[in-house]
Amino acid sequence: MAEENASDLPPIDPATGVPYGARTKFAHAIAACGLTHAEAAEYLGQAVSTIEKKSVGARSMTAADGAALSALWHKIRQGHLRGLPRNSIAMAAALEILRGAKAVQPKTRKKKSTEGEGA
């Protein structure tokens, strides 16, 4: 595998620290926690419009945002699910599968009852 050099990398937006056109670190952090914008707003105690602005880089992620999302992510990783947003619980289940801790359980179909049908 060839080493990457600076010319191979996309240009970085100095305001957000991420490549132009890419999602922000904040957007990736809320996604890693399985949060919708509405859930992130409730969890962080902010308006949905603020979450949307931070997700596109129009506002900056704060240290408090990072600390709160880090704490949530560690709860998700450790399986401490009580009181977490619904999608964070779903993220915890997905991480168990990705870690190989749980297998994907196929849905089973219920057999139709043949009782009462004439022969």
N, C-alpha and C. Protein backbone atom coordinates (compact mmCIF):
# COMPACT_ATOMS: atom_id res chain seq x y z
N MET A 1 0.84 -1.17 0.00
CA MET A 1 0.00 0.00 0.00
C MET A 1 0.89 1.24 0.00
N ALA A 2 0.61 2.16 -0.88
CA ALA A 2 1.42 3.37 -1.00
C ALA A 2 1.12 4.33 0.13
N GLU A 3 2.17 5.05 0.54
CA GLU A 3 1.98 6.07 1.58
C GLU A 3 1.25 7.26 0.99
N GLU A 4 0.40 7.87 1.85
CA GLU A 4 -0.28 9.08 1.41
C GLU A 4 0.65 10.27 1.61
N ASN A 5 0.62 11.18 0.66
CA ASN A 5 1.33 12.43 0.89
C ASN A 5 0.31 13.56 0.85
N ALA A 6 0.72 14.74 1.24
CA ALA A 6 -0.19 15.87 1.41
C ALA A 6 -0.98 16.16 0.13
N SER A 7 -0.40 15.94 -1.03
CA SER A 7 -1.10 16.24 -2.27
C SER A 7 -2.23 15.25 -2.56
N ASP A 8 -2.21 14.09 -1.90
CA ASP A 8 -3.27 13.09 -2.09
C ASP A 8 -4.50 13.38 -1.23
N LEU A 9 -4.33 14.24 -0.23
CA LEU A 9 -5.41 14.51 0.70
C LEU A 9 -6.27 15.66 0.21
N PRO A 10 -7.58 15.62 0.51
CA PRO A 10 -8.44 16.73 0.09
C PRO A 10 -8.11 17.99 0.88
N PRO A 11 -8.40 19.14 0.31
CA PRO A 11 -8.11 20.39 1.04
C PRO A 11 -8.96 20.50 2.30
N ILE A 12 -8.34 21.01 3.36
CA ILE A 12 -9.00 21.11 4.66
C ILE A 12 -9.57 22.51 4.85
N ASP A 13 -10.80 22.55 5.33
CA ASP A 13 -11.44 23.82 5.68
C ASP A 13 -10.87 24.26 7.02
N PRO A 14 -10.16 25.38 7.10
CA PRO A 14 -9.54 25.78 8.36
C PRO A 14 -10.57 26.11 9.46
N ALA A 15 -11.79 26.44 9.07
CA ALA A 15 -12.81 26.78 10.06
C ALA A 15 -13.31 25.55 10.81
N THR A 16 -13.35 24.40 10.12
CA THR A 16 -13.90 23.19 10.75
C THR A 16 -12.85 22.13 11.02
N GLY A 17 -11.71 22.18 10.31
CA GLY A 17 -10.68 21.17 10.49
C GLY A 17 -10.96 19.88 9.73
N VAL A 18 -11.98 19.88 8.88
CA VAL A 18 -12.31 18.70 8.08
C VAL A 18 -12.26 19.07 6.60
N PRO A 19 -12.14 18.07 5.73
CA PRO A 19 -12.10 18.38 4.30
C PRO A 19 -13.36 19.13 3.84
N TYR A 20 -13.19 20.03 2.89
CA TYR A 20 -14.33 20.74 2.33
C TYR A 20 -15.37 19.73 1.85
N GLY A 21 -16.64 19.99 2.16
CA GLY A 21 -17.73 19.12 1.72
C GLY A 21 -17.95 17.90 2.60
N ALA A 22 -17.07 17.63 3.55
CA ALA A 22 -17.24 16.47 4.43
C ALA A 22 -18.07 16.88 5.64
N ARG A 23 -18.61 15.88 6.31
CA ARG A 23 -19.34 16.16 7.55
C ARG A 23 -18.35 16.63 8.60
N THR A 24 -18.83 17.42 9.53
CA THR A 24 -17.98 17.93 10.59
C THR A 24 -17.72 16.85 11.64
N LYS A 25 -16.74 17.13 12.49
CA LYS A 25 -16.45 16.23 13.61
C LYS A 25 -17.68 16.10 14.50
N PHE A 26 -18.39 17.21 14.69
CA PHE A 26 -19.62 17.17 15.50
C PHE A 26 -20.65 16.24 14.87
N ALA A 27 -20.84 16.34 13.56
CA ALA A 27 -21.80 15.47 12.87
C ALA A 27 -21.41 14.00 13.03
N HIS A 28 -20.12 13.72 12.92
CA HIS A 28 -19.66 12.33 13.09
C HIS A 28 -19.85 11.88 14.54
N ALA A 29 -19.63 12.77 15.49
CA ALA A 29 -19.78 12.40 16.90
C ALA A 29 -21.23 12.06 17.23
N ILE A 30 -22.18 12.87 16.74
CA ILE A 30 -23.57 12.54 17.05
C ILE A 30 -24.00 11.28 16.31
N ALA A 31 -23.46 11.08 15.10
CA ALA A 31 -23.78 9.86 14.36
C ALA A 31 -23.21 8.63 15.08
N ALA A 32 -22.01 8.75 15.62
CA ALA A 32 -21.39 7.62 16.34
C ALA A 32 -22.20 7.24 17.58
N CYS A 33 -22.92 8.21 18.12
CA CYS A 33 -23.78 7.95 19.29
C CYS A 33 -25.18 7.53 18.87
N GLY A 34 -25.42 7.47 17.55
CA GLY A 34 -26.71 7.05 17.05
C GLY A 34 -27.80 8.10 17.18
N LEU A 35 -27.42 9.35 17.39
CA LEU A 35 -28.40 10.39 17.66
C LEU A 35 -28.93 11.06 16.40
N THR A 36 -30.22 11.31 16.37
CA THR A 36 -30.80 12.19 15.37
C THR A 36 -30.52 13.62 15.83
N HIS A 37 -30.77 14.59 14.98
CA HIS A 37 -30.59 15.98 15.40
C HIS A 37 -31.49 16.32 16.58
N ALA A 38 -32.72 15.83 16.54
CA ALA A 38 -33.65 16.10 17.65
C ALA A 38 -33.16 15.47 18.95
N GLU A 39 -32.65 14.24 18.88
CA GLU A 39 -32.14 13.57 20.08
C GLU A 39 -30.89 14.28 20.60
N ALA A 40 -30.01 14.69 19.69
CA ALA A 40 -28.80 15.41 20.10
C ALA A 40 -29.18 16.72 20.78
N ALA A 41 -30.17 17.42 20.22
CA ALA A 41 -30.61 18.68 20.82
C ALA A 41 -31.13 18.44 22.24
N GLU A 42 -31.95 17.42 22.41
CA GLU A 42 -32.49 17.13 23.75
C GLU A 42 -31.37 16.71 24.69
N TYR A 43 -30.50 15.83 24.23
CA TYR A 43 -29.42 15.32 25.09
C TYR A 43 -28.47 16.43 25.51
N LEU A 44 -28.15 17.33 24.58
CA LEU A 44 -27.19 18.40 24.86
C LEU A 44 -27.85 19.67 25.41
N GLY A 45 -29.19 19.68 25.44
CA GLY A 45 -29.89 20.84 25.95
C GLY A 45 -29.77 22.06 25.04
N GLN A 46 -29.81 21.80 23.74
CA GLN A 46 -29.66 22.86 22.75
C GLN A 46 -30.83 22.82 21.77
N ALA A 47 -31.00 23.88 21.01
CA ALA A 47 -32.03 23.92 19.98
C ALA A 47 -31.62 23.04 18.80
N VAL A 48 -32.61 22.48 18.12
CA VAL A 48 -32.32 21.66 16.93
C VAL A 48 -31.57 22.51 15.90
N SER A 49 -31.92 23.77 15.77
CA SER A 49 -31.23 24.63 14.80
C SER A 49 -29.75 24.77 15.13
N THR A 50 -29.41 24.79 16.42
CA THR A 50 -28.01 24.86 16.83
C THR A 50 -27.28 23.57 16.43
N ILE A 51 -27.92 22.44 16.65
CA ILE A 51 -27.34 21.14 16.28
C ILE A 51 -27.12 21.10 14.77
N GLU A 52 -28.10 21.56 14.01
CA GLU A 52 -27.96 21.57 12.55
C GLU A 52 -26.80 22.46 12.11
N LYS A 53 -26.66 23.62 12.74
CA LYS A 53 -25.56 24.52 12.38
C LYS A 53 -24.21 23.92 12.72
N LYS A 54 -24.11 23.24 13.86
CA LYS A 54 -22.85 22.60 14.24
C LYS A 54 -22.55 21.43 13.30
N SER A 55 -23.58 20.76 12.82
CA SER A 55 -23.38 19.61 11.94
C SER A 55 -22.82 19.99 10.58
N VAL A 56 -23.08 21.22 10.15
CA VAL A 56 -22.57 21.65 8.84
C VAL A 56 -21.40 22.62 8.96
N GLY A 57 -20.98 22.92 10.19
CA GLY A 57 -19.83 23.77 10.40
C GLY A 57 -20.13 25.26 10.49
N ALA A 58 -21.42 25.63 10.52
CA ALA A 58 -21.78 27.04 10.65
C ALA A 58 -21.56 27.53 12.08
N ARG A 59 -21.54 26.60 13.02
CA ARG A 59 -21.17 26.89 14.41
C ARG A 59 -20.17 25.84 14.84
N SER A 60 -19.37 26.17 15.82
CA SER A 60 -18.32 25.26 16.28
C SER A 60 -18.82 24.33 17.38
N MET A 61 -18.27 23.14 17.36
CA MET A 61 -18.49 22.20 18.46
C MET A 61 -17.75 22.76 19.67
N THR A 62 -18.37 22.69 20.84
CA THR A 62 -17.73 23.19 22.05
C THR A 62 -17.08 22.05 22.83
N ALA A 63 -16.24 22.42 23.78
CA ALA A 63 -15.63 21.42 24.66
C ALA A 63 -16.72 20.68 25.44
N ALA A 64 -17.77 21.41 25.85
CA ALA A 64 -18.87 20.78 26.58
C ALA A 64 -19.61 19.77 25.69
N ASP A 65 -19.78 20.09 24.40
CA ASP A 65 -20.38 19.13 23.46
C ASP A 65 -19.54 17.87 23.40
N GLY A 66 -18.23 18.06 23.24
CA GLY A 66 -17.32 16.92 23.14
C GLY A 66 -17.34 16.06 24.39
N ALA A 67 -17.36 16.69 25.55
CA ALA A 67 -17.38 15.94 26.81
C ALA A 67 -18.67 15.16 26.96
N ALA A 68 -19.80 15.79 26.65
CA ALA A 68 -21.09 15.12 26.80
C ALA A 68 -21.22 13.96 25.81
N LEU A 69 -20.81 14.17 24.57
CA LEU A 69 -20.90 13.11 23.56
C LEU A 69 -19.92 11.99 23.85
N SER A 70 -18.75 12.32 24.38
CA SER A 70 -17.78 11.30 24.77
C SER A 70 -18.35 10.43 25.89
N ALA A 71 -18.95 11.07 26.88
CA ALA A 71 -19.55 10.31 27.99
C ALA A 71 -20.66 9.40 27.48
N LEU A 72 -21.49 9.91 26.58
CA LEU A 72 -22.56 9.09 26.01
C LEU A 72 -21.99 7.93 25.23
N TRP A 73 -20.98 8.19 24.40
CA TRP A 73 -20.39 7.13 23.58
C TRP A 73 -19.80 6.02 24.46
N HIS A 74 -19.17 6.40 25.57
CA HIS A 74 -18.60 5.38 26.46
C HIS A 74 -19.70 4.57 27.14
N LYS A 75 -20.82 5.20 27.47
CA LYS A 75 -21.96 4.44 28.01
C LYS A 75 -22.47 3.45 26.99
N ILE A 76 -22.57 3.89 25.74
CA ILE A 76 -23.03 3.01 24.67
C ILE A 76 -22.07 1.82 24.53
N ARG A 77 -20.77 2.09 24.47
CA ARG A 77 -19.76 1.03 24.32
C ARG A 77 -19.80 0.03 25.46
N GLN A 78 -20.05 0.53 26.67
CA GLN A 78 -20.03 -0.33 27.85
C GLN A 78 -21.38 -1.00 28.12
N GLY A 79 -22.39 -0.65 27.34
CA GLY A 79 -23.70 -1.26 27.51
C GLY A 79 -24.50 -0.70 28.67
N HIS A 80 -24.17 0.49 29.13
CA HIS A 80 -24.94 1.15 30.20
C HIS A 80 -26.06 1.93 29.52
N LEU A 81 -27.19 1.26 29.30
CA LEU A 81 -28.21 1.79 28.42
C LEU A 81 -29.36 2.50 29.11
N ARG A 82 -29.49 2.35 30.41
CA ARG A 82 -30.61 2.95 31.11
C ARG A 82 -30.64 4.46 30.92
N GLY A 83 -31.79 4.97 30.46
CA GLY A 83 -31.97 6.40 30.30
C GLY A 83 -31.37 6.99 29.04
N LEU A 84 -30.80 6.17 28.17
CA LEU A 84 -30.21 6.70 26.95
C LEU A 84 -31.27 6.94 25.88
N PRO A 85 -31.00 7.83 24.94
CA PRO A 85 -31.93 8.02 23.82
C PRO A 85 -32.13 6.71 23.06
N ARG A 86 -33.31 6.55 22.48
CA ARG A 86 -33.68 5.30 21.80
C ARG A 86 -32.64 4.88 20.75
N ASN A 87 -32.20 5.82 19.92
CA ASN A 87 -31.24 5.46 18.87
C ASN A 87 -29.86 5.15 19.41
N SER A 88 -29.52 5.66 20.58
CA SER A 88 -28.24 5.29 21.20
C SER A 88 -28.28 3.84 21.66
N ILE A 89 -29.44 3.40 22.11
CA ILE A 89 -29.60 1.99 22.49
C ILE A 89 -29.45 1.10 21.25
N ALA A 90 -30.03 1.54 20.14
CA ALA A 90 -29.89 0.80 18.89
C ALA A 90 -28.43 0.77 18.44
N MET A 91 -27.70 1.88 18.64
CA MET A 91 -26.28 1.92 18.29
C MET A 91 -25.51 0.91 19.14
N ALA A 92 -25.85 0.80 20.41
CA ALA A 92 -25.17 -0.17 21.28
C ALA A 92 -25.36 -1.59 20.75
N ALA A 93 -26.56 -1.90 20.29
CA ALA A 93 -26.83 -3.24 19.73
C ALA A 93 -26.01 -3.46 18.46
N ALA A 94 -25.90 -2.42 17.63
CA ALA A 94 -25.11 -2.55 16.40
C ALA A 94 -23.63 -2.75 16.72
N LEU A 95 -23.13 -2.04 17.73
CA LEU A 95 -21.72 -2.19 18.10
C LEU A 95 -21.42 -3.59 18.62
N GLU A 96 -22.38 -4.20 19.32
CA GLU A 96 -22.17 -5.58 19.79
C GLU A 96 -21.99 -6.51 18.60
N ILE A 97 -22.75 -6.28 17.55
CA ILE A 97 -22.61 -7.10 16.34
C ILE A 97 -21.27 -6.83 15.68
N LEU A 98 -20.89 -5.56 15.56
CA LEU A 98 -19.62 -5.22 14.91
C LEU A 98 -18.41 -5.74 15.67
N ARG A 99 -18.52 -5.79 17.00
CA ARG A 99 -17.42 -6.33 17.83
C ARG A 99 -17.38 -7.86 17.77
N GLY A 100 -18.43 -8.46 17.24
CA GLY A 100 -18.50 -9.92 17.21
C GLY A 100 -19.03 -10.50 18.51
N ALA A 101 -19.53 -9.63 19.41
CA ALA A 101 -20.05 -10.10 20.70
C ALA A 101 -21.41 -10.76 20.55
N LYS A 102 -22.14 -10.38 19.52
CA LYS A 102 -23.45 -10.98 19.26
C LYS A 102 -23.57 -11.26 17.78
N ALA A 103 -24.28 -12.32 17.47
CA ALA A 103 -24.53 -12.65 16.08
C ALA A 103 -25.84 -12.00 15.64
N VAL A 104 -25.94 -11.76 14.36
CA VAL A 104 -27.18 -11.24 13.82
C VAL A 104 -28.21 -12.36 13.90
N GLN A 105 -29.34 -12.04 14.50
CA GLN A 105 -30.40 -13.03 14.64
C GLN A 105 -31.43 -12.82 13.53
N PRO A 106 -31.53 -13.79 12.62
CA PRO A 106 -32.52 -13.63 11.56
C PRO A 106 -33.94 -13.69 12.14
N LYS A 107 -34.81 -12.92 11.54
CA LYS A 107 -36.20 -12.97 11.97
C LYS A 107 -36.78 -14.29 11.53
N THR A 108 -37.56 -14.88 12.41
CA THR A 108 -38.22 -16.13 12.06
C THR A 108 -39.66 -15.82 11.70
N ARG A 109 -40.13 -16.51 10.71
CA ARG A 109 -41.52 -16.32 10.29
C ARG A 109 -42.39 -17.30 11.04
N LYS A 110 -43.50 -16.81 11.46
CA LYS A 110 -44.46 -17.69 12.12
C LYS A 110 -45.17 -18.50 11.05
N LYS A 111 -45.33 -19.79 11.35
CA LYS A 111 -46.05 -20.64 10.43
C LYS A 111 -47.54 -20.34 10.54
N LYS A 112 -48.19 -20.34 9.38
CA LYS A 112 -49.62 -20.12 9.40
C LYS A 112 -50.30 -21.33 10.02
N SER A 113 -51.28 -21.06 10.82
CA SER A 113 -52.03 -22.12 11.45
C SER A 113 -52.91 -22.78 10.42
N THR A 114 -52.93 -24.09 10.43
CA THR A 114 -53.80 -24.83 9.50
C THR A 114 -55.00 -25.40 10.24
N GLU A 115 -55.12 -25.04 11.52
CA GLU A 115 -56.27 -25.53 12.28
C GLU A 115 -57.54 -24.96 11.70
N GLY A 116 -58.55 -25.77 11.68
CA GLY A 116 -59.84 -25.32 11.22
C GLY A 116 -60.01 -25.39 9.72
N GLU A 117 -58.95 -25.75 9.00
CA GLU A 117 -59.08 -25.88 7.56
C GLU A 117 -59.54 -27.28 7.22
N GLY A 118 -60.46 -27.37 6.32
CA GLY A 118 -61.00 -28.69 5.92
C GLY A 118 -60.01 -29.45 5.07
N ALA A 119 -60.07 -30.79 5.17
CA ALA A 119 -59.15 -31.60 4.41
C ALA A 119 -59.83 -32.20 3.24
